[in-house]
């Protein structure tokens, strides 16, 4: 196995709010992405609560806002240059890709 194979993008399917999304991800990032998807699903369910009628795009924006706020607080507490925050930013971008355009 050479270095290019480990970076090869393979499809992975995740489930968020009972809906499936397929995204391309390298083997090295698969576990992290599926973990992030589980976290996103849990957070969206918590925010939705018992109000099953909330619009999915509104729910996605509220969840993203909460996650971004938490990330901002962590950056302020720790100086913002930590490599862990770069990983969180990358995970956030992947979550954005999973959600796709609202509509």
PDB file of N, CA and C in Angstrom:
ATOM      1  N   UNK A   1       0.851  -1.179   0.000  1.00  0.00           N
ATOM      2  CA  UNK A   1       0.000   0.000   0.000  1.00  0.00           C
ATOM      3  C   UNK A   1       0.891   1.234   0.000  1.00  0.00           C
ATOM      4  N   UNK A   2       0.681   2.112  -0.947  1.00  0.00           N
ATOM      5  CA  UNK A   2       1.490   3.327  -0.992  1.00  0.00           C
ATOM      6  C   UNK A   2       0.740   4.490  -0.355  1.00  0.00           C
ATOM      7  N   UNK A   3       1.405   5.617  -0.217  1.00  0.00           N
ATOM      8  CA  UNK A   3       0.830   6.791   0.435  1.00  0.00           C
ATOM      9  C   UNK A   3      -0.389   7.341  -0.258  1.00  0.00           C
ATOM     10  N   UNK A   4      -0.479   7.184  -1.581  1.00  0.00           N
ATOM     11  CA  UNK A   4      -1.626   7.704  -2.317  1.00  0.00           C
ATOM     12  C   UNK A   4      -2.902   6.944  -1.992  1.00  0.00           C
ATOM     13  N   UNK A   5      -2.786   5.653  -1.698  1.00  0.00           N
ATOM     14  CA  UNK A   5      -3.972   4.870  -1.401  1.00  0.00           C
ATOM     15  C   UNK A   5      -4.618   5.311  -0.098  1.00  0.00           C
ATOM     16  N   UNK A   6      -3.814   5.706   0.885  1.00  0.00           N
ATOM     17  CA  UNK A   6      -4.381   6.121   2.162  1.00  0.00           C
ATOM     18  C   UNK A   6      -5.154   7.434   2.030  1.00  0.00           C
ATOM     19  N   UNK A   7      -4.817   8.254   1.049  1.00  0.00           N
ATOM     20  CA  UNK A   7      -5.505   9.527   0.853  1.00  0.00           C
ATOM     21  C   UNK A   7      -6.673   9.399  -0.117  1.00  0.00           C
ATOM     22  N   UNK A   8      -6.863   8.224  -0.683  1.00  0.00           N
ATOM     23  CA  UNK A   8      -7.935   8.011  -1.647  1.00  0.00           C
ATOM     24  C   UNK A   8      -9.291   8.192  -0.967  1.00  0.00           C
ATOM     25  N   UNK A   9     -10.160   8.916  -1.631  1.00  0.00           N
ATOM     26  CA  UNK A   9     -11.483   9.189  -1.095  1.00  0.00           C
ATOM     27  C   UNK A   9     -12.429   8.039  -1.422  1.00  0.00           C
ATOM     28  N   UNK A  10     -13.068   7.526  -0.394  1.00  0.00           N
ATOM     29  CA  UNK A  10     -14.046   6.453  -0.541  1.00  0.00           C
ATOM     30  C   UNK A  10     -15.371   6.926   0.041  1.00  0.00           C
ATOM     31  N   UNK A  11     -16.488   6.466  -0.520  1.00  0.00           N
ATOM     32  CA  UNK A  11     -17.774   6.905   0.011  1.00  0.00           C
ATOM     33  C   UNK A  11     -18.064   6.288   1.381  1.00  0.00           C
ATOM     34  N   UNK A  12     -18.626   7.087   2.248  1.00  0.00           N
ATOM     35  CA  UNK A  12     -19.112   6.618   3.542  1.00  0.00           C
ATOM     36  C   UNK A  12     -20.498   7.222   3.735  1.00  0.00           C
ATOM     37  N   UNK A  13     -21.406   6.430   4.253  1.00  0.00           N
ATOM     38  CA  UNK A  13     -22.772   6.888   4.476  1.00  0.00           C
ATOM     39  C   UNK A  13     -22.979   7.102   5.967  1.00  0.00           C
ATOM     40  N   UNK A  14     -23.489   8.270   6.311  1.00  0.00           N
ATOM     41  CA  UNK A  14     -23.803   8.594   7.701  1.00  0.00           C
ATOM     42  C   UNK A  14     -25.290   8.918   7.784  1.00  0.00           C
ATOM     43  N   UNK A  15     -25.840   8.805   8.974  1.00  0.00           N
ATOM     44  CA  UNK A  15     -27.260   9.050   9.181  1.00  0.00           C
ATOM     45  C   UNK A  15     -27.415  10.201  10.173  1.00  0.00           C
ATOM     46  N   UNK A  16     -28.127  11.234   9.729  1.00  0.00           N
ATOM     47  CA  UNK A  16     -28.388  12.397  10.574  1.00  0.00           C
ATOM     48  C   UNK A  16     -29.881  12.687  10.521  1.00  0.00           C
ATOM     49  N   UNK A  17     -30.507  12.680  11.677  1.00  0.00           N
ATOM     50  CA  UNK A  17     -31.958  12.886  11.780  1.00  0.00           C
ATOM     51  C   UNK A  17     -32.721  11.969  10.822  1.00  0.00           C
ATOM     52  N   UNK A  18     -32.383  10.708  10.859  1.00  0.00           N
ATOM     53  CA  UNK A  18     -33.055   9.671  10.070  1.00  0.00           C
ATOM     54  C   UNK A  18     -32.928   9.866   8.563  1.00  0.00           C
ATOM     55  N   UNK A  19     -31.941  10.609   8.161  1.00  0.00           N
ATOM     56  CA  UNK A  19     -31.686  10.821   6.739  1.00  0.00           C
ATOM     57  C   UNK A  19     -30.246  10.432   6.442  1.00  0.00           C
ATOM     58  N   UNK A  20     -30.030   9.745   5.335  1.00  0.00           N
ATOM     59  CA  UNK A  20     -28.690   9.288   4.992  1.00  0.00           C
ATOM     60  C   UNK A  20     -27.993  10.266   4.060  1.00  0.00           C
ATOM     61  N   UNK A  21     -26.689  10.446   4.316  1.00  0.00           N
ATOM     62  CA  UNK A  21     -25.831  11.291   3.497  1.00  0.00           C
ATOM     63  C   UNK A  21     -24.589  10.487   3.154  1.00  0.00           C
ATOM     64  N   UNK A  22     -24.190  10.523   1.896  1.00  0.00           N
ATOM     65  CA  UNK A  22     -22.977   9.838   1.473  1.00  0.00           C
ATOM     66  C   UNK A  22     -21.949  10.887   1.086  1.00  0.00           C
ATOM     67  N   UNK A  23     -20.766  10.762   1.677  1.00  0.00           N
ATOM     68  CA  UNK A  23     -19.678  11.697   1.402  1.00  0.00           C
ATOM     69  C   UNK A  23     -18.399  10.916   1.155  1.00  0.00           C
ATOM     70  N   UNK A  24     -17.483  11.527   0.427  1.00  0.00           N
ATOM     71  CA  UNK A  24     -16.183  10.918   0.185  1.00  0.00           C
ATOM     72  C   UNK A  24     -15.225  11.274   1.302  1.00  0.00           C
ATOM     73  N   UNK A  25     -14.501  10.276   1.787  1.00  0.00           N
ATOM     74  CA  UNK A  25     -13.569  10.494   2.885  1.00  0.00           C
ATOM     75  C   UNK A  25     -12.452   9.462   2.792  1.00  0.00           C
ATOM     76  N   UNK A  26     -11.254   9.858   3.203  1.00  0.00           N
ATOM     77  CA  UNK A  26     -10.141   8.910   3.202  1.00  0.00           C
ATOM     78  C   UNK A  26     -10.320   7.929   4.359  1.00  0.00           C
ATOM     79  N   UNK A  27      -9.675   6.778   4.242  1.00  0.00           N
ATOM     80  CA  UNK A  27      -9.742   5.788   5.315  1.00  0.00           C
ATOM     81  C   UNK A  27      -9.269   6.375   6.636  1.00  0.00           C
ATOM     82  N   UNK A  28      -8.253   7.223   6.575  1.00  0.00           N
ATOM     83  CA  UNK A  28      -7.695   7.818   7.786  1.00  0.00           C
ATOM     84  C   UNK A  28      -8.693   8.736   8.489  1.00  0.00           C
ATOM     85  N   UNK A  29      -9.645   9.291   7.742  1.00  0.00           N
ATOM     86  CA  UNK A  29     -10.607  10.233   8.317  1.00  0.00           C
ATOM     87  C   UNK A  29     -11.977   9.612   8.565  1.00  0.00           C
ATOM     88  N   UNK A  30     -12.172   8.381   8.146  1.00  0.00           N
ATOM     89  CA  UNK A  30     -13.490   7.740   8.232  1.00  0.00           C
ATOM     90  C   UNK A  30     -14.037   7.725   9.661  1.00  0.00           C
ATOM     91  N   UNK A  31     -13.253   7.263  10.617  1.00  0.00           N
ATOM     92  CA  UNK A  31     -13.727   7.165  11.998  1.00  0.00           C
ATOM     93  C   UNK A  31     -14.070   8.538  12.561  1.00  0.00           C
ATOM     94  N   UNK A  32     -13.239   9.520  12.267  1.00  0.00           N
ATOM     95  CA  UNK A  32     -13.482  10.874  12.755  1.00  0.00           C
ATOM     96  C   UNK A  32     -14.767  11.449  12.165  1.00  0.00           C
ATOM     97  N   UNK A  33     -14.972  11.228  10.877  1.00  0.00           N
ATOM     98  CA  UNK A  33     -16.173  11.749  10.227  1.00  0.00           C
ATOM     99  C   UNK A  33     -17.430  11.079  10.767  1.00  0.00           C
ATOM    100  N   UNK A  34     -17.411   9.772  10.927  1.00  0.00           N
ATOM    101  CA  UNK A  34     -18.601   9.090  11.438  1.00  0.00           C
ATOM    102  C   UNK A  34     -18.881   9.502  12.879  1.00  0.00           C
ATOM    103  N   UNK A  35     -17.837   9.731  13.655  1.00  0.00           N
ATOM    104  CA  UNK A  35     -18.012  10.221  15.021  1.00  0.00           C
ATOM    105  C   UNK A  35     -18.620  11.624  15.013  1.00  0.00           C
ATOM    106  N   UNK A  36     -18.140  12.480  14.127  1.00  0.00           N
ATOM    107  CA  UNK A  36     -18.681  13.836  14.007  1.00  0.00           C
ATOM    108  C   UNK A  36     -20.147  13.795  13.582  1.00  0.00           C
ATOM    109  N   UNK A  37     -20.486  12.885  12.693  1.00  0.00           N
ATOM    110  CA  UNK A  37     -21.879  12.760  12.244  1.00  0.00           C
ATOM    111  C   UNK A  37     -22.774  12.315  13.397  1.00  0.00           C
ATOM    112  N   UNK A  38     -22.290  11.388  14.220  1.00  0.00           N
ATOM    113  CA  UNK A  38     -23.071  10.958  15.387  1.00  0.00           C
ATOM    114  C   UNK A  38     -23.269  12.124  16.357  1.00  0.00           C
ATOM    115  N   UNK A  39     -22.204  12.908  16.571  1.00  0.00           N
ATOM    116  CA  UNK A  39     -22.306  14.066  17.447  1.00  0.00           C
ATOM    117  C   UNK A  39     -23.308  15.073  16.881  1.00  0.00           C
ATOM    118  N   UNK A  40     -23.240  15.318  15.586  1.00  0.00           N
ATOM    119  CA  UNK A  40     -24.162  16.262  14.952  1.00  0.00           C
ATOM    120  C   UNK A  40     -25.602  15.781  15.089  1.00  0.00           C
ATOM    121  N   UNK A  41     -25.828  14.503  14.846  1.00  0.00           N
ATOM    122  CA  UNK A  41     -27.166  13.932  14.979  1.00  0.00           C
ATOM    123  C   UNK A  41     -27.690  14.135  16.401  1.00  0.00           C
ATOM    124  N   UNK A  42     -26.865  13.834  17.380  1.00  0.00           N
ATOM    125  CA  UNK A  42     -27.259  13.994  18.778  1.00  0.00           C
ATOM    126  C   UNK A  42     -27.572  15.451  19.102  1.00  0.00           C
ATOM    127  N   UNK A  43     -26.700  16.359  18.677  1.00  0.00           N
ATOM    128  CA  UNK A  43     -26.914  17.780  18.964  1.00  0.00           C
ATOM    129  C   UNK A  43     -28.178  18.303  18.289  1.00  0.00           C
ATOM    130  N   UNK A  44     -28.420  17.883  17.045  1.00  0.00           N
ATOM    131  CA  UNK A  44     -29.626  18.333  16.346  1.00  0.00           C
ATOM    132  C   UNK A  44     -30.875  17.802  17.039  1.00  0.00           C
ATOM    133  N   UNK A  45     -30.821  16.572  17.510  1.00  0.00           N
ATOM    134  CA  UNK A  45     -31.965  16.002  18.232  1.00  0.00           C
ATOM    135  C   UNK A  45     -32.198  16.738  19.552  1.00  0.00           C
ATOM    136  N   UNK A  46     -31.110  17.095  20.249  1.00  0.00           N
ATOM    137  CA  UNK A  46     -31.241  17.845  21.503  1.00  0.00           C
ATOM    138  C   UNK A  46     -31.878  19.208  21.255  1.00  0.00           C
ATOM    139  N   UNK A  47     -31.429  19.900  20.239  1.00  0.00           N
ATOM    140  CA  UNK A  47     -31.959  21.233  19.937  1.00  0.00           C
ATOM    141  C   UNK A  47     -33.407  21.142  19.470  1.00  0.00           C
ATOM    142  N   UNK A  48     -33.703  20.133  18.668  1.00  0.00           N
ATOM    143  CA  UNK A  48     -35.075  19.956  18.188  1.00  0.00           C
ATOM    144  C   UNK A  48     -36.008  19.632  19.345  1.00  0.00           C
ATOM    145  N   UNK A  49     -35.524  18.841  20.317  1.00  0.00           N
ATOM    146  CA  UNK A  49     -36.345  18.463  21.467  1.00  0.00           C
ATOM    147  C   UNK A  49     -37.622  17.776  21.030  1.00  0.00           C
ATOM    148  N   UNK A  50     -38.712  18.168  21.626  1.00  0.00           N
ATOM    149  CA  UNK A  50     -39.994  17.545  21.303  1.00  0.00           C
ATOM    150  C   UNK A  50     -40.691  18.232  20.135  1.00  0.00           C
ATOM    151  N   UNK A  51     -40.125  19.323  19.629  1.00  0.00           N
ATOM    152  CA  UNK A  51     -40.726  20.050  18.514  1.00  0.00           C
ATOM    153  C   UNK A  51     -40.305  19.412  17.195  1.00  0.00           C
ATOM    154  N   UNK A  52     -41.033  18.400  16.775  1.00  0.00           N
ATOM    155  CA  UNK A  52     -40.705  17.667  15.553  1.00  0.00           C
ATOM    156  C   UNK A  52     -41.027  18.467  14.294  1.00  0.00           C
ATOM    157  N   UNK A  53     -41.718  19.592  14.443  1.00  0.00           N
ATOM    158  CA  UNK A  53     -42.148  20.363  13.278  1.00  0.00           C
ATOM    159  C   UNK A  53     -41.155  21.457  12.880  1.00  0.00           C
ATOM    160  N   UNK A  54     -40.071  21.625  13.637  1.00  0.00           N
ATOM    161  CA  UNK A  54     -39.099  22.665  13.291  1.00  0.00           C
ATOM    162  C   UNK A  54     -38.496  22.345  11.920  1.00  0.00           C
ATOM    163  N   UNK A  55     -38.360  23.371  11.088  1.00  0.00           N
ATOM    164  CA  UNK A  55     -37.828  23.185   9.734  1.00  0.00           C
ATOM    165  C   UNK A  55     -36.383  22.686   9.807  1.00  0.00           C
ATOM    166  N   UNK A  56     -36.037  21.701   8.975  1.00  0.00           N
ATOM    167  CA  UNK A  56     -34.678  21.137   9.007  1.00  0.00           C
ATOM    168  C   UNK A  56     -33.585  22.173   8.765  1.00  0.00           C
ATOM    169  N   UNK A  57     -33.836  23.147   7.876  1.00  0.00           N
ATOM    170  CA  UNK A  57     -32.801  24.151   7.626  1.00  0.00           C
ATOM    171  C   UNK A  57     -32.600  25.047   8.844  1.00  0.00           C
ATOM    172  N   UNK A  58     -33.670  25.384   9.522  1.00  0.00           N
ATOM    173  CA  UNK A  58     -33.562  26.191  10.747  1.00  0.00           C
ATOM    174  C   UNK A  58     -32.827  25.406  11.830  1.00  0.00           C
ATOM    175  N   UNK A  59     -33.160  24.146  11.968  1.00  0.00           N
ATOM    176  CA  UNK A  59     -32.501  23.283  12.945  1.00  0.00           C
ATOM    177  C   UNK A  59     -31.007  23.172  12.651  1.00  0.00           C
ATOM    178  N   UNK A  60     -30.652  23.027  11.371  1.00  0.00           N
ATOM    179  CA  UNK A  60     -29.242  22.932  10.977  1.00  0.00           C
ATOM    180  C   UNK A  60     -28.495  24.222  11.308  1.00  0.00           C
ATOM    181  N   UNK A  61     -29.129  25.368  11.040  1.00  0.00           N
ATOM    182  CA  UNK A  61     -28.486  26.654  11.326  1.00  0.00           C
ATOM    183  C   UNK A  61     -28.308  26.843  12.830  1.00  0.00           C
ATOM    184  N   UNK A  62     -29.316  26.526  13.618  1.00  0.00           N
ATOM    185  CA  UNK A  62     -29.202  26.664  15.070  1.00  0.00           C
ATOM    186  C   UNK A  62     -28.113  25.752  15.629  1.00  0.00           C
ATOM    187  N   UNK A  63     -28.043  24.538  15.117  1.00  0.00           N
ATOM    188  CA  UNK A  63     -27.010  23.602  15.563  1.00  0.00           C
ATOM    189  C   UNK A  63     -25.630  24.099  15.167  1.00  0.00           C
ATOM    190  N   UNK A  64     -25.486  24.550  13.925  1.00  0.00           N
ATOM    191  CA  UNK A  64     -24.198  25.080  13.466  1.00  0.00           C
ATOM    192  C   UNK A  64     -23.788  26.296  14.290  1.00  0.00           C
ATOM    193  N   UNK A  65     -24.741  27.152  14.606  1.00  0.00           N
ATOM    194  CA  UNK A  65     -24.448  28.333  15.415  1.00  0.00           C
ATOM    195  C   UNK A  65     -23.964  27.930  16.806  1.00  0.00           C
ATOM    196  N   UNK A  66     -24.621  26.965  17.410  1.00  0.00           N
ATOM    197  CA  UNK A  66     -24.194  26.493  18.727  1.00  0.00           C
ATOM    198  C   UNK A  66     -22.797  25.895  18.678  1.00  0.00           C
ATOM    199  N   UNK A  67     -22.512  25.076  17.674  1.00  0.00           N
ATOM    200  CA  UNK A  67     -21.185  24.469  17.544  1.00  0.00           C
ATOM    201  C   UNK A  67     -20.116  25.527  17.275  1.00  0.00           C
ATOM    202  N   UNK A  68     -20.441  26.498  16.424  1.00  0.00           N
ATOM    203  CA  UNK A  68     -19.490  27.572  16.131  1.00  0.00           C
ATOM    204  C   UNK A  68     -19.218  28.410  17.381  1.00  0.00           C
ATOM    205  N   UNK A  69     -20.248  28.653  18.159  1.00  0.00           N
ATOM    206  CA  UNK A  69     -20.083  29.415  19.399  1.00  0.00           C
ATOM    207  C   UNK A  69     -19.171  28.672  20.371  1.00  0.00           C
ATOM    208  N   UNK A  70     -19.382  27.372  20.517  1.00  0.00           N
ATOM    209  CA  UNK A  70     -18.511  26.568  21.382  1.00  0.00           C
ATOM    210  C   UNK A  70     -17.068  26.592  20.883  1.00  0.00           C
ATOM    211  N   UNK A  71     -16.887  26.476  19.581  1.00  0.00           N
ATOM    212  CA  UNK A  71     -15.544  26.522  19.002  1.00  0.00           C
ATOM    213  C   UNK A  71     -14.890  27.873  19.275  1.00  0.00           C
ATOM    214  N   UNK A  72     -15.640  28.942  19.102  1.00  0.00           N
ATOM    215  CA  UNK A  72     -15.117  30.284  19.363  1.00  0.00           C
ATOM    216  C   UNK A  72     -14.709  30.438  20.823  1.00  0.00           C
ATOM    217  N   UNK A  73     -15.528  29.929  21.734  1.00  0.00           N
ATOM    218  CA  UNK A  73     -15.186  30.004  23.152  1.00  0.00           C
ATOM    219  C   UNK A  73     -13.897  29.237  23.445  1.00  0.00           C
ATOM    220  N   UNK A  74     -13.753  28.063  22.866  1.00  0.00           N
ATOM    221  CA  UNK A  74     -12.532  27.281  23.059  1.00  0.00           C
ATOM    222  C   UNK A  74     -11.315  28.016  22.514  1.00  0.00           C
ATOM    223  N   UNK A  75     -11.473  28.627  21.354  1.00  0.00           N
ATOM    224  CA  UNK A  75     -10.367  29.398  20.771  1.00  0.00           C
ATOM    225  C   UNK A  75      -9.948  30.533  21.695  1.00  0.00           C
ATOM    226  N   UNK A  76     -10.918  31.233  22.224  1.00  0.00           N
ATOM    227  CA  UNK A  76     -10.615  32.351  23.112  1.00  0.00           C
ATOM    228  C   UNK A  76      -9.928  31.871  24.379  1.00  0.00           C
ATOM    229  N   UNK A  77     -10.353  30.719  24.896  1.00  0.00           N
ATOM    230  CA  UNK A  77      -9.762  30.176  26.116  1.00  0.00           C
ATOM    231  C   UNK A  77      -8.340  29.670  25.893  1.00  0.00           C
ATOM    232  N   UNK A  78      -8.051  29.168  24.718  1.00  0.00           N
ATOM    233  CA  UNK A  78      -6.769  28.508  24.486  1.00  0.00           C
ATOM    234  C   UNK A  78      -5.863  29.209  23.490  1.00  0.00           C
ATOM    235  N   UNK A  79      -6.231  30.350  23.018  1.00  0.00           N
ATOM    236  CA  UNK A  79      -5.337  31.110  22.162  1.00  0.00           C
ATOM    237  C   UNK A  79      -5.566  30.947  20.678  1.00  0.00           C
ATOM    238  N   UNK A  80      -6.305  29.976  20.229  1.00  0.00           N
ATOM    239  CA  UNK A  80      -6.679  29.856  18.832  1.00  0.00           C
ATOM    240  C   UNK A  80      -5.655  29.278  17.886  1.00  0.00           C
ATOM    241  N   UNK A  81      -4.430  29.011  18.304  1.00  0.00           N
ATOM    242  CA  UNK A  81      -3.418  28.502  17.381  1.00  0.00           C
ATOM    243  C   UNK A  81      -3.155  27.014  17.550  1.00  0.00           C
ATOM    244  N   UNK A  82      -3.921  26.372  18.352  1.00  0.00           N
ATOM    245  CA  UNK A  82      -3.717  24.963  18.643  1.00  0.00           C
ATOM    246  C   UNK A  82      -4.112  24.100  17.440  1.00  0.00           C
ATOM    247  N   UNK A  83      -3.369  23.062  17.188  1.00  0.00           N
ATOM    248  CA  UNK A  83      -3.655  22.172  16.054  1.00  0.00           C
ATOM    249  C   UNK A  83      -5.022  21.514  16.193  1.00  0.00           C
ATOM    250  N   UNK A  84      -5.471  21.304  17.417  1.00  0.00           N
ATOM    251  CA  UNK A  84      -6.776  20.680  17.626  1.00  0.00           C
ATOM    252  C   UNK A  84      -7.892  21.526  17.028  1.00  0.00           C
ATOM    253  N   UNK A  85      -7.748  22.837  17.086  1.00  0.00           N
ATOM    254  CA  UNK A  85      -8.776  23.700  16.537  1.00  0.00           C
ATOM    255  C   UNK A  85      -8.811  23.627  15.014  1.00  0.00           C
ATOM    256  N   UNK A  86      -7.665  23.409  14.418  1.00  0.00           N
ATOM    257  CA  UNK A  86      -7.637  23.224  12.970  1.00  0.00           C
ATOM    258  C   UNK A  86      -8.387  21.960  12.591  1.00  0.00           C
ATOM    259  N   UNK A  87      -8.239  20.916  13.398  1.00  0.00           N
ATOM    260  CA  UNK A  87      -8.985  19.682  13.152  1.00  0.00           C
ATOM    261  C   UNK A  87     -10.483  19.914  13.324  1.00  0.00           C
ATOM    262  N   UNK A  88     -10.863  20.693  14.333  1.00  0.00           N
ATOM    263  CA  UNK A  88     -12.275  21.006  14.526  1.00  0.00           C
ATOM    264  C   UNK A  88     -12.825  21.808  13.355  1.00  0.00           C
ATOM    265  N   UNK A  89     -12.041  22.743  12.849  1.00  0.00           N
ATOM    266  CA  UNK A  89     -12.462  23.504  11.674  1.00  0.00           C
ATOM    267  C   UNK A  89     -12.679  22.578  10.480  1.00  0.00           C
ATOM    268  N   UNK A  90     -11.775  21.627  10.301  1.00  0.00           N
ATOM    269  CA  UNK A  90     -11.912  20.676   9.198  1.00  0.00           C
ATOM    270  C   UNK A  90     -13.166  19.833   9.382  1.00  0.00           C
ATOM    271  N   UNK A  91     -13.416  19.394  10.608  1.00  0.00           N
ATOM    272  CA  UNK A  91     -14.616  18.606  10.886  1.00  0.00           C
ATOM    273  C   UNK A  91     -15.864  19.438  10.641  1.00  0.00           C
ATOM    274  N   UNK A  92     -15.828  20.713  11.018  1.00  0.00           N
ATOM    275  CA  UNK A  92     -16.956  21.603  10.784  1.00  0.00           C
ATOM    276  C   UNK A  92     -17.236  21.743   9.290  1.00  0.00           C
ATOM    277  N   UNK A  93     -16.170  21.860   8.494  1.00  0.00           N
ATOM    278  CA  UNK A  93     -16.343  21.930   7.043  1.00  0.00           C
ATOM    279  C   UNK A  93     -16.976  20.670   6.492  1.00  0.00           C
ATOM    280  N   UNK A  94     -16.588  19.527   7.027  1.00  0.00           N
ATOM    281  CA  UNK A  94     -17.174  18.263   6.578  1.00  0.00           C
ATOM    282  C   UNK A  94     -18.647  18.185   6.955  1.00  0.00           C
ATOM    283  N   UNK A  95     -18.983  18.692   8.144  1.00  0.00           N
ATOM    284  CA  UNK A  95     -20.385  18.711   8.549  1.00  0.00           C
ATOM    285  C   UNK A  95     -21.195  19.619   7.630  1.00  0.00           C
ATOM    286  N   UNK A  96     -20.621  20.749   7.259  1.00  0.00           N
ATOM    287  CA  UNK A  96     -21.294  21.634   6.305  1.00  0.00           C
ATOM    288  C   UNK A  96     -21.544  20.910   4.988  1.00  0.00           C
ATOM    289  N   UNK A  97     -20.564  20.127   4.549  1.00  0.00           N
ATOM    290  CA  UNK A  97     -20.713  19.385   3.300  1.00  0.00           C
ATOM    291  C   UNK A  97     -21.802  18.331   3.427  1.00  0.00           C
ATOM    292  N   UNK A  98     -21.917  17.720   4.597  1.00  0.00           N
ATOM    293  CA  UNK A  98     -22.959  16.722   4.824  1.00  0.00           C
ATOM    294  C   UNK A  98     -24.343  17.342   4.744  1.00  0.00           C
ATOM    295  N   UNK A  99     -24.483  18.521   5.333  1.00  0.00           N
ATOM    296  CA  UNK A  99     -25.790  19.171   5.348  1.00  0.00           C
ATOM    297  C   UNK A  99     -26.185  19.676   3.974  1.00  0.00           C
ATOM    298  N   UNK A 100     -25.215  20.049   3.178  1.00  0.00           N
ATOM    299  CA  UNK A 100     -25.496  20.551   1.836  1.00  0.00           C
ATOM    300  C   UNK A 100     -26.239  21.870   1.895  1.00  0.00           C
ATOM    301  N   UNK A 101     -26.646  22.360   0.732  1.00  0.00           N
ATOM    302  CA  UNK A 101     -27.367  23.630   0.692  1.00  0.00           C
ATOM    303  C   UNK A 101     -28.766  23.476   1.275  1.00  0.00           C
ATOM    304  N   UNK A 102     -29.207  24.484   2.012  1.00  0.00           N
ATOM    305  CA  UNK A 102     -30.558  24.474   2.574  1.00  0.00           C
ATOM    306  C   UNK A 102     -31.553  24.662   1.448  1.00  0.00           C
ATOM    307  N   UNK A 103     -32.647  23.990   1.560  1.00  0.00           N
ATOM    308  CA  UNK A 103     -33.636  24.184   0.518  1.00  0.00           C
ATOM    309  C   UNK A 103     -34.638  23.167   0.574  1.00  0.00           C
TER     310      UNK A 103
END
